[in-house]
Amino acid sequence: MKGDLVEARRTIELLNRPDALVYFARVQIAIGEKNMDQALLEYRNFSVYNEKRQSKDDKYIFETILCRYKMLEISDKVYLKRLNEMIESGIAGNNMNLIEFAYTNIVFYYKERRMYKKALDASEIARTYRKYGSNI
């Protein structure tokens, strides 16, 4: 595992370009290394980068990841609202990765709170999107 993180960091450093995916990978690597200060620093760097691009989806993805690891606090209502906005944006843009990410986090959220019926319902909807795409 440690070797994989070292190799991943080396590969990401070779890219050396500002991109949401690069920042995302850096945050995931820092979390994998349990270096939460570095993860927050990369998030701050992403925030500066994203001010120019103003991508709401990228911002929400980062915030969702940081909330999941308890590095950022937002209310449950706002968290679910943002995930639903990502789903709507994914459907409008036919972005299956965004839809999958949002539904995975909704299911995780409900399971963590022992709301198994809601988790099952969300996973059924996600399965439908996986099977038929976002054009249903």
N, C-alpha and C. Protein backbone atom coordinates (compact mmCIF):
# COMPACT_ATOMS: atom_id res chain seq x y z
N MET A 1 0.83 -1.20 0.00
CA MET A 1 0.00 0.00 0.00
C MET A 1 0.87 1.26 0.00
N LYS A 2 1.86 1.29 0.86
CA LYS A 2 2.72 2.46 0.96
C LYS A 2 3.46 2.70 -0.36
N GLY A 3 3.93 1.62 -0.98
CA GLY A 3 4.61 1.74 -2.27
C GLY A 3 3.70 2.29 -3.35
N ASP A 4 2.43 1.90 -3.31
CA ASP A 4 1.47 2.40 -4.28
C ASP A 4 1.29 3.91 -4.13
N LEU A 5 1.24 4.38 -2.90
CA LEU A 5 1.08 5.81 -2.66
C LEU A 5 2.31 6.59 -3.12
N VAL A 6 3.49 6.03 -2.89
CA VAL A 6 4.72 6.69 -3.33
C VAL A 6 4.75 6.77 -4.86
N GLU A 7 4.39 5.68 -5.51
CA GLU A 7 4.35 5.66 -6.97
C GLU A 7 3.29 6.63 -7.51
N ALA A 8 2.14 6.67 -6.85
CA ALA A 8 1.07 7.59 -7.27
C ALA A 8 1.53 9.03 -7.12
N ARG A 9 2.17 9.34 -5.99
CA ARG A 9 2.65 10.71 -5.79
C ARG A 9 3.69 11.08 -6.86
N ARG A 10 4.60 10.16 -7.17
CA ARG A 10 5.62 10.42 -8.18
C ARG A 10 4.96 10.68 -9.54
N THR A 11 3.96 9.90 -9.89
CA THR A 11 3.27 10.07 -11.17
C THR A 11 2.54 11.41 -11.23
N ILE A 12 1.87 11.76 -10.16
CA ILE A 12 1.13 13.04 -10.11
C ILE A 12 2.09 14.21 -10.22
N GLU A 13 3.24 14.12 -9.55
CA GLU A 13 4.21 15.22 -9.60
C GLU A 13 4.77 15.40 -11.01
N LEU A 14 4.82 14.34 -11.80
CA LEU A 14 5.29 14.46 -13.18
C LEU A 14 4.33 15.29 -14.03
N LEU A 15 3.04 15.24 -13.70
CA LEU A 15 2.05 16.01 -14.47
C LEU A 15 2.29 17.50 -14.31
N ASN A 16 2.47 17.95 -13.07
CA ASN A 16 2.84 19.33 -12.76
C ASN A 16 2.01 20.36 -13.53
N ARG A 17 0.70 20.17 -13.50
CA ARG A 17 -0.18 21.14 -14.13
C ARG A 17 -1.41 21.33 -13.24
N PRO A 18 -1.96 22.52 -13.23
CA PRO A 18 -3.16 22.73 -12.43
C PRO A 18 -4.38 22.11 -13.11
N ASP A 19 -4.99 21.19 -12.43
CA ASP A 19 -6.16 20.51 -12.96
C ASP A 19 -6.93 19.95 -11.78
N ALA A 20 -8.24 19.93 -11.85
CA ALA A 20 -9.05 19.43 -10.73
C ALA A 20 -8.70 17.98 -10.41
N LEU A 21 -8.45 17.16 -11.42
CA LEU A 21 -8.10 15.76 -11.17
C LEU A 21 -6.76 15.60 -10.46
N VAL A 22 -5.82 16.48 -10.79
CA VAL A 22 -4.52 16.44 -10.11
C VAL A 22 -4.69 16.80 -8.65
N TYR A 23 -5.45 17.85 -8.37
CA TYR A 23 -5.69 18.22 -6.97
C TYR A 23 -6.46 17.12 -6.24
N PHE A 24 -7.42 16.54 -6.92
CA PHE A 24 -8.19 15.45 -6.33
C PHE A 24 -7.26 14.29 -5.97
N ALA A 25 -6.38 13.91 -6.89
CA ALA A 25 -5.44 12.81 -6.63
C ALA A 25 -4.51 13.15 -5.47
N ARG A 26 -4.04 14.39 -5.41
CA ARG A 26 -3.16 14.79 -4.31
C ARG A 26 -3.87 14.70 -2.96
N VAL A 27 -5.14 15.09 -2.93
CA VAL A 27 -5.90 14.99 -1.68
C VAL A 27 -6.08 13.52 -1.29
N GLN A 28 -6.43 12.67 -2.24
CA GLN A 28 -6.61 11.25 -1.96
C GLN A 28 -5.31 10.60 -1.47
N ILE A 29 -4.19 10.97 -2.07
CA ILE A 29 -2.90 10.43 -1.64
C ILE A 29 -2.59 10.88 -0.22
N ALA A 30 -2.81 12.16 0.06
CA ALA A 30 -2.54 12.68 1.41
C ALA A 30 -3.43 11.99 2.44
N ILE A 31 -4.68 11.74 2.10
CA ILE A 31 -5.58 11.03 3.01
C ILE A 31 -5.10 9.60 3.20
N GLY A 32 -4.66 8.96 2.12
CA GLY A 32 -4.11 7.60 2.21
C GLY A 32 -2.88 7.53 3.10
N GLU A 33 -2.10 8.60 3.10
CA GLU A 33 -0.91 8.67 3.94
C GLU A 33 -1.23 9.18 5.35
N LYS A 34 -2.51 9.45 5.59
CA LYS A 34 -2.99 9.98 6.86
C LYS A 34 -2.34 11.33 7.20
N ASN A 35 -2.09 12.11 6.18
CA ASN A 35 -1.52 13.44 6.31
C ASN A 35 -2.63 14.45 6.04
N MET A 36 -3.46 14.69 7.04
CA MET A 36 -4.65 15.53 6.85
C MET A 36 -4.28 17.00 6.62
N ASP A 37 -3.16 17.45 7.19
CA ASP A 37 -2.73 18.83 6.94
C ASP A 37 -2.41 19.03 5.46
N GLN A 38 -1.73 18.07 4.87
CA GLN A 38 -1.40 18.15 3.45
C GLN A 38 -2.67 18.10 2.60
N ALA A 39 -3.64 17.27 3.00
CA ALA A 39 -4.90 17.19 2.27
C ALA A 39 -5.63 18.53 2.30
N LEU A 40 -5.65 19.18 3.45
CA LEU A 40 -6.30 20.49 3.54
C LEU A 40 -5.54 21.54 2.73
N LEU A 41 -4.21 21.46 2.72
CA LEU A 41 -3.42 22.39 1.92
C LEU A 41 -3.74 22.22 0.43
N GLU A 42 -3.83 20.98 -0.02
CA GLU A 42 -4.18 20.73 -1.42
C GLU A 42 -5.59 21.22 -1.73
N TYR A 43 -6.50 21.08 -0.77
CA TYR A 43 -7.86 21.59 -0.97
C TYR A 43 -7.84 23.12 -1.11
N ARG A 44 -7.05 23.79 -0.28
CA ARG A 44 -6.94 25.24 -0.38
C ARG A 44 -6.35 25.65 -1.74
N ASN A 45 -5.32 24.91 -2.19
CA ASN A 45 -4.75 25.18 -3.52
C ASN A 45 -5.80 24.99 -4.61
N PHE A 46 -6.60 23.93 -4.47
CA PHE A 46 -7.69 23.70 -5.43
C PHE A 46 -8.68 24.86 -5.40
N SER A 47 -9.01 25.35 -4.20
CA SER A 47 -9.98 26.44 -4.08
C SER A 47 -9.51 27.68 -4.83
N VAL A 48 -8.22 27.99 -4.74
CA VAL A 48 -7.67 29.13 -5.48
C VAL A 48 -7.79 28.88 -6.98
N TYR A 49 -7.43 27.67 -7.40
CA TYR A 49 -7.53 27.29 -8.81
C TYR A 49 -8.98 27.35 -9.29
N ASN A 50 -9.90 26.88 -8.46
CA ASN A 50 -11.31 26.79 -8.87
C ASN A 50 -12.00 28.15 -8.89
N GLU A 51 -11.46 29.15 -8.20
CA GLU A 51 -12.05 30.49 -8.24
C GLU A 51 -12.08 31.02 -9.67
N LYS A 52 -11.06 30.68 -10.44
CA LYS A 52 -10.99 31.13 -11.84
C LYS A 52 -11.96 30.35 -12.72
N ARG A 53 -12.04 29.04 -12.47
CA ARG A 53 -12.90 28.17 -13.29
C ARG A 53 -14.35 28.21 -12.85
N GLN A 54 -14.57 28.35 -11.56
CA GLN A 54 -15.89 28.38 -10.95
C GLN A 54 -16.71 27.13 -11.28
N SER A 55 -16.11 25.96 -11.08
CA SER A 55 -16.82 24.70 -11.29
C SER A 55 -17.47 24.27 -9.98
N LYS A 56 -18.78 24.37 -9.96
CA LYS A 56 -19.52 24.00 -8.75
C LYS A 56 -19.41 22.50 -8.47
N ASP A 57 -19.45 21.69 -9.51
CA ASP A 57 -19.36 20.24 -9.32
C ASP A 57 -18.03 19.82 -8.71
N ASP A 58 -16.93 20.37 -9.23
CA ASP A 58 -15.62 20.04 -8.67
C ASP A 58 -15.53 20.46 -7.20
N LYS A 59 -16.03 21.64 -6.92
CA LYS A 59 -16.02 22.12 -5.53
C LYS A 59 -16.82 21.18 -4.63
N TYR A 60 -17.98 20.78 -5.07
CA TYR A 60 -18.82 19.89 -4.27
C TYR A 60 -18.18 18.51 -4.08
N ILE A 61 -17.49 18.03 -5.11
CA ILE A 61 -16.80 16.74 -4.99
C ILE A 61 -15.74 16.83 -3.89
N PHE A 62 -14.94 17.88 -3.92
CA PHE A 62 -13.91 18.03 -2.89
C PHE A 62 -14.52 18.16 -1.51
N GLU A 63 -15.56 18.95 -1.38
CA GLU A 63 -16.19 19.14 -0.08
C GLU A 63 -16.80 17.83 0.43
N THR A 64 -17.36 17.04 -0.47
CA THR A 64 -17.93 15.75 -0.09
C THR A 64 -16.84 14.83 0.45
N ILE A 65 -15.72 14.79 -0.22
CA ILE A 65 -14.61 13.94 0.23
C ILE A 65 -14.11 14.39 1.59
N LEU A 66 -13.93 15.69 1.77
CA LEU A 66 -13.44 16.20 3.05
C LEU A 66 -14.45 15.99 4.16
N CYS A 67 -15.72 16.09 3.86
CA CYS A 67 -16.76 15.80 4.88
C CYS A 67 -16.74 14.33 5.26
N ARG A 68 -16.54 13.48 4.29
CA ARG A 68 -16.53 12.04 4.55
C ARG A 68 -15.41 11.66 5.52
N TYR A 69 -14.28 12.37 5.41
CA TYR A 69 -13.14 12.11 6.30
C TYR A 69 -13.12 13.04 7.50
N LYS A 70 -14.24 13.73 7.74
CA LYS A 70 -14.41 14.60 8.91
C LYS A 70 -13.38 15.74 8.95
N MET A 71 -13.00 16.23 7.78
CA MET A 71 -12.06 17.33 7.70
C MET A 71 -12.76 18.66 7.42
N LEU A 72 -14.04 18.58 7.11
CA LEU A 72 -14.84 19.75 6.81
C LEU A 72 -16.22 19.49 7.38
N GLU A 73 -16.79 20.48 8.04
CA GLU A 73 -18.10 20.32 8.66
C GLU A 73 -19.15 21.13 7.89
N ILE A 74 -20.15 20.44 7.38
CA ILE A 74 -21.33 21.10 6.84
C ILE A 74 -22.54 20.33 7.36
N SER A 75 -23.67 20.98 7.40
CA SER A 75 -24.86 20.34 7.94
C SER A 75 -25.32 19.20 7.04
N ASP A 76 -26.05 18.26 7.62
CA ASP A 76 -26.55 17.13 6.85
C ASP A 76 -27.47 17.59 5.71
N LYS A 77 -28.28 18.59 6.00
CA LYS A 77 -29.22 19.10 5.00
C LYS A 77 -28.46 19.66 3.78
N VAL A 78 -27.42 20.44 4.03
CA VAL A 78 -26.61 21.03 2.96
C VAL A 78 -25.86 19.93 2.20
N TYR A 79 -25.34 18.96 2.94
CA TYR A 79 -24.59 17.85 2.34
C TYR A 79 -25.47 17.09 1.35
N LEU A 80 -26.67 16.72 1.77
CA LEU A 80 -27.58 15.99 0.88
C LEU A 80 -28.05 16.86 -0.28
N LYS A 81 -28.26 18.14 -0.02
CA LYS A 81 -28.66 19.06 -1.09
C LYS A 81 -27.59 19.13 -2.17
N ARG A 82 -26.33 19.20 -1.74
CA ARG A 82 -25.24 19.27 -2.71
C ARG A 82 -25.11 17.98 -3.51
N LEU A 83 -25.28 16.85 -2.84
CA LEU A 83 -25.23 15.58 -3.57
C LEU A 83 -26.35 15.50 -4.60
N ASN A 84 -27.54 15.97 -4.23
CA ASN A 84 -28.66 15.97 -5.18
C ASN A 84 -28.41 16.94 -6.33
N GLU A 85 -27.76 18.07 -6.06
CA GLU A 85 -27.41 19.00 -7.13
C GLU A 85 -26.40 18.35 -8.08
N MET A 86 -25.46 17.57 -7.53
CA MET A 86 -24.50 16.87 -8.39
C MET A 86 -25.22 15.86 -9.28
N ILE A 87 -26.22 15.18 -8.73
CA ILE A 87 -26.98 14.21 -9.53
C ILE A 87 -27.70 14.94 -10.67
N GLU A 88 -28.36 16.04 -10.35
CA GLU A 88 -29.07 16.80 -11.38
C GLU A 88 -28.11 17.31 -12.46
N SER A 89 -26.95 17.79 -12.03
CA SER A 89 -25.95 18.27 -12.97
C SER A 89 -25.42 17.12 -13.82
N GLY A 90 -25.22 15.97 -13.21
CA GLY A 90 -24.75 14.79 -13.94
C GLY A 90 -25.76 14.33 -14.97
N ILE A 91 -27.03 14.38 -14.60
CA ILE A 91 -28.09 13.99 -15.54
C ILE A 91 -28.16 14.98 -16.69
N ALA A 92 -28.11 16.28 -16.36
CA ALA A 92 -28.18 17.30 -17.41
C ALA A 92 -27.00 17.21 -18.37
N GLY A 93 -25.81 16.88 -17.84
CA GLY A 93 -24.62 16.82 -18.68
C GLY A 93 -24.25 15.42 -19.12
N ASN A 94 -25.12 14.45 -18.82
CA ASN A 94 -24.87 13.05 -19.16
C ASN A 94 -23.51 12.58 -18.61
N ASN A 95 -23.23 12.95 -17.36
CA ASN A 95 -21.97 12.64 -16.70
C ASN A 95 -22.20 11.50 -15.71
N MET A 96 -21.98 10.27 -16.18
CA MET A 96 -22.24 9.10 -15.33
C MET A 96 -21.28 9.03 -14.14
N ASN A 97 -20.07 9.53 -14.29
CA ASN A 97 -19.13 9.52 -13.16
C ASN A 97 -19.64 10.38 -12.01
N LEU A 98 -20.19 11.53 -12.34
CA LEU A 98 -20.72 12.43 -11.31
C LEU A 98 -21.95 11.81 -10.64
N ILE A 99 -22.82 11.21 -11.43
CA ILE A 99 -24.01 10.55 -10.89
C ILE A 99 -23.59 9.41 -9.96
N GLU A 100 -22.66 8.60 -10.40
CA GLU A 100 -22.17 7.47 -9.60
C GLU A 100 -21.54 7.95 -8.30
N PHE A 101 -20.72 8.98 -8.38
CA PHE A 101 -20.07 9.53 -7.18
C PHE A 101 -21.12 10.01 -6.18
N ALA A 102 -22.09 10.76 -6.66
CA ALA A 102 -23.11 11.32 -5.77
C ALA A 102 -23.94 10.21 -5.12
N TYR A 103 -24.38 9.25 -5.90
CA TYR A 103 -25.19 8.17 -5.33
C TYR A 103 -24.38 7.29 -4.37
N THR A 104 -23.12 7.06 -4.68
CA THR A 104 -22.28 6.28 -3.76
C THR A 104 -22.18 6.97 -2.42
N ASN A 105 -22.03 8.29 -2.43
CA ASN A 105 -21.93 9.03 -1.19
C ASN A 105 -23.26 9.14 -0.46
N ILE A 106 -24.36 9.18 -1.20
CA ILE A 106 -25.67 9.18 -0.55
C ILE A 106 -25.89 7.85 0.16
N VAL A 107 -25.58 6.75 -0.51
CA VAL A 107 -25.73 5.42 0.10
C VAL A 107 -24.85 5.32 1.34
N PHE A 108 -23.60 5.76 1.23
CA PHE A 108 -22.68 5.74 2.37
C PHE A 108 -23.24 6.57 3.52
N TYR A 109 -23.78 7.75 3.22
CA TYR A 109 -24.35 8.63 4.23
C TYR A 109 -25.49 7.93 4.98
N TYR A 110 -26.41 7.34 4.24
CA TYR A 110 -27.56 6.68 4.88
C TYR A 110 -27.13 5.44 5.66
N LYS A 111 -26.19 4.67 5.13
CA LYS A 111 -25.72 3.49 5.87
C LYS A 111 -25.06 3.89 7.18
N GLU A 112 -24.27 4.94 7.13
CA GLU A 112 -23.57 5.43 8.32
C GLU A 112 -24.55 5.84 9.41
N ARG A 113 -25.72 6.29 9.01
CA ARG A 113 -26.74 6.74 9.97
C ARG A 113 -27.81 5.67 10.21
N ARG A 114 -27.55 4.48 9.72
CA ARG A 114 -28.44 3.32 9.89
C ARG A 114 -29.83 3.54 9.31
N MET A 115 -29.88 4.26 8.21
CA MET A 115 -31.13 4.48 7.48
C MET A 115 -31.09 3.55 6.27
N TYR A 116 -31.22 2.27 6.55
CA TYR A 116 -30.98 1.25 5.53
C TYR A 116 -32.01 1.27 4.41
N LYS A 117 -33.23 1.59 4.70
CA LYS A 117 -34.27 1.64 3.66
C LYS A 117 -33.95 2.74 2.64
N LYS A 118 -33.55 3.92 3.15
CA LYS A 118 -33.19 5.01 2.24
C LYS A 118 -31.93 4.67 1.44
N ALA A 119 -30.98 3.99 2.08
CA ALA A 119 -29.76 3.56 1.39
C ALA A 119 -30.11 2.58 0.27
N LEU A 120 -31.01 1.65 0.56
CA LEU A 120 -31.43 0.68 -0.45
C LEU A 120 -32.13 1.38 -1.61
N ASP A 121 -33.02 2.32 -1.30
CA ASP A 121 -33.72 3.06 -2.35
C ASP A 121 -32.73 3.81 -3.25
N ALA A 122 -31.76 4.48 -2.63
CA ALA A 122 -30.77 5.23 -3.40
C ALA A 122 -29.93 4.29 -4.26
N SER A 123 -29.56 3.13 -3.72
CA SER A 123 -28.75 2.20 -4.50
C SER A 123 -29.54 1.62 -5.67
N GLU A 124 -30.85 1.44 -5.50
CA GLU A 124 -31.69 0.97 -6.61
C GLU A 124 -31.75 2.01 -7.73
N ILE A 125 -31.88 3.26 -7.36
CA ILE A 125 -31.90 4.33 -8.37
C ILE A 125 -30.55 4.40 -9.09
N ALA A 126 -29.46 4.30 -8.31
CA ALA A 126 -28.12 4.33 -8.90
C ALA A 126 -27.93 3.16 -9.87
N ARG A 127 -28.44 1.99 -9.49
CA ARG A 127 -28.33 0.82 -10.37
C ARG A 127 -29.07 1.07 -11.68
N THR A 128 -30.23 1.71 -11.60
CA THR A 128 -30.99 2.03 -12.81
C THR A 128 -30.18 2.94 -13.73
N TYR A 129 -29.53 3.96 -13.16
CA TYR A 129 -28.71 4.84 -13.98
C TYR A 129 -27.52 4.10 -14.57
N ARG A 130 -26.91 3.20 -13.78
CA ARG A 130 -25.79 2.41 -14.31
C ARG A 130 -26.23 1.54 -15.47
N LYS A 131 -27.41 0.98 -15.34
CA LYS A 131 -27.90 0.02 -16.34
C LYS A 131 -28.38 0.72 -17.62
N TYR A 132 -29.11 1.81 -17.46
CA TYR A 132 -29.74 2.46 -18.62
C TYR A 132 -29.15 3.81 -18.99
N GLY A 133 -28.25 4.32 -18.20
CA GLY A 133 -27.66 5.62 -18.47
C GLY A 133 -28.52 6.75 -17.93
N SER A 134 -28.09 7.96 -18.18
CA SER A 134 -28.81 9.11 -17.62
C SER A 134 -29.94 9.59 -18.51
N ASN A 135 -30.23 8.89 -19.56
CA ASN A 135 -31.28 9.30 -20.49
C ASN A 135 -32.61 8.59 -20.20
N ILE A 136 -32.82 8.15 -18.98
CA ILE A 136 -34.07 7.44 -18.66
C ILE A 136 -35.17 8.40 -18.32
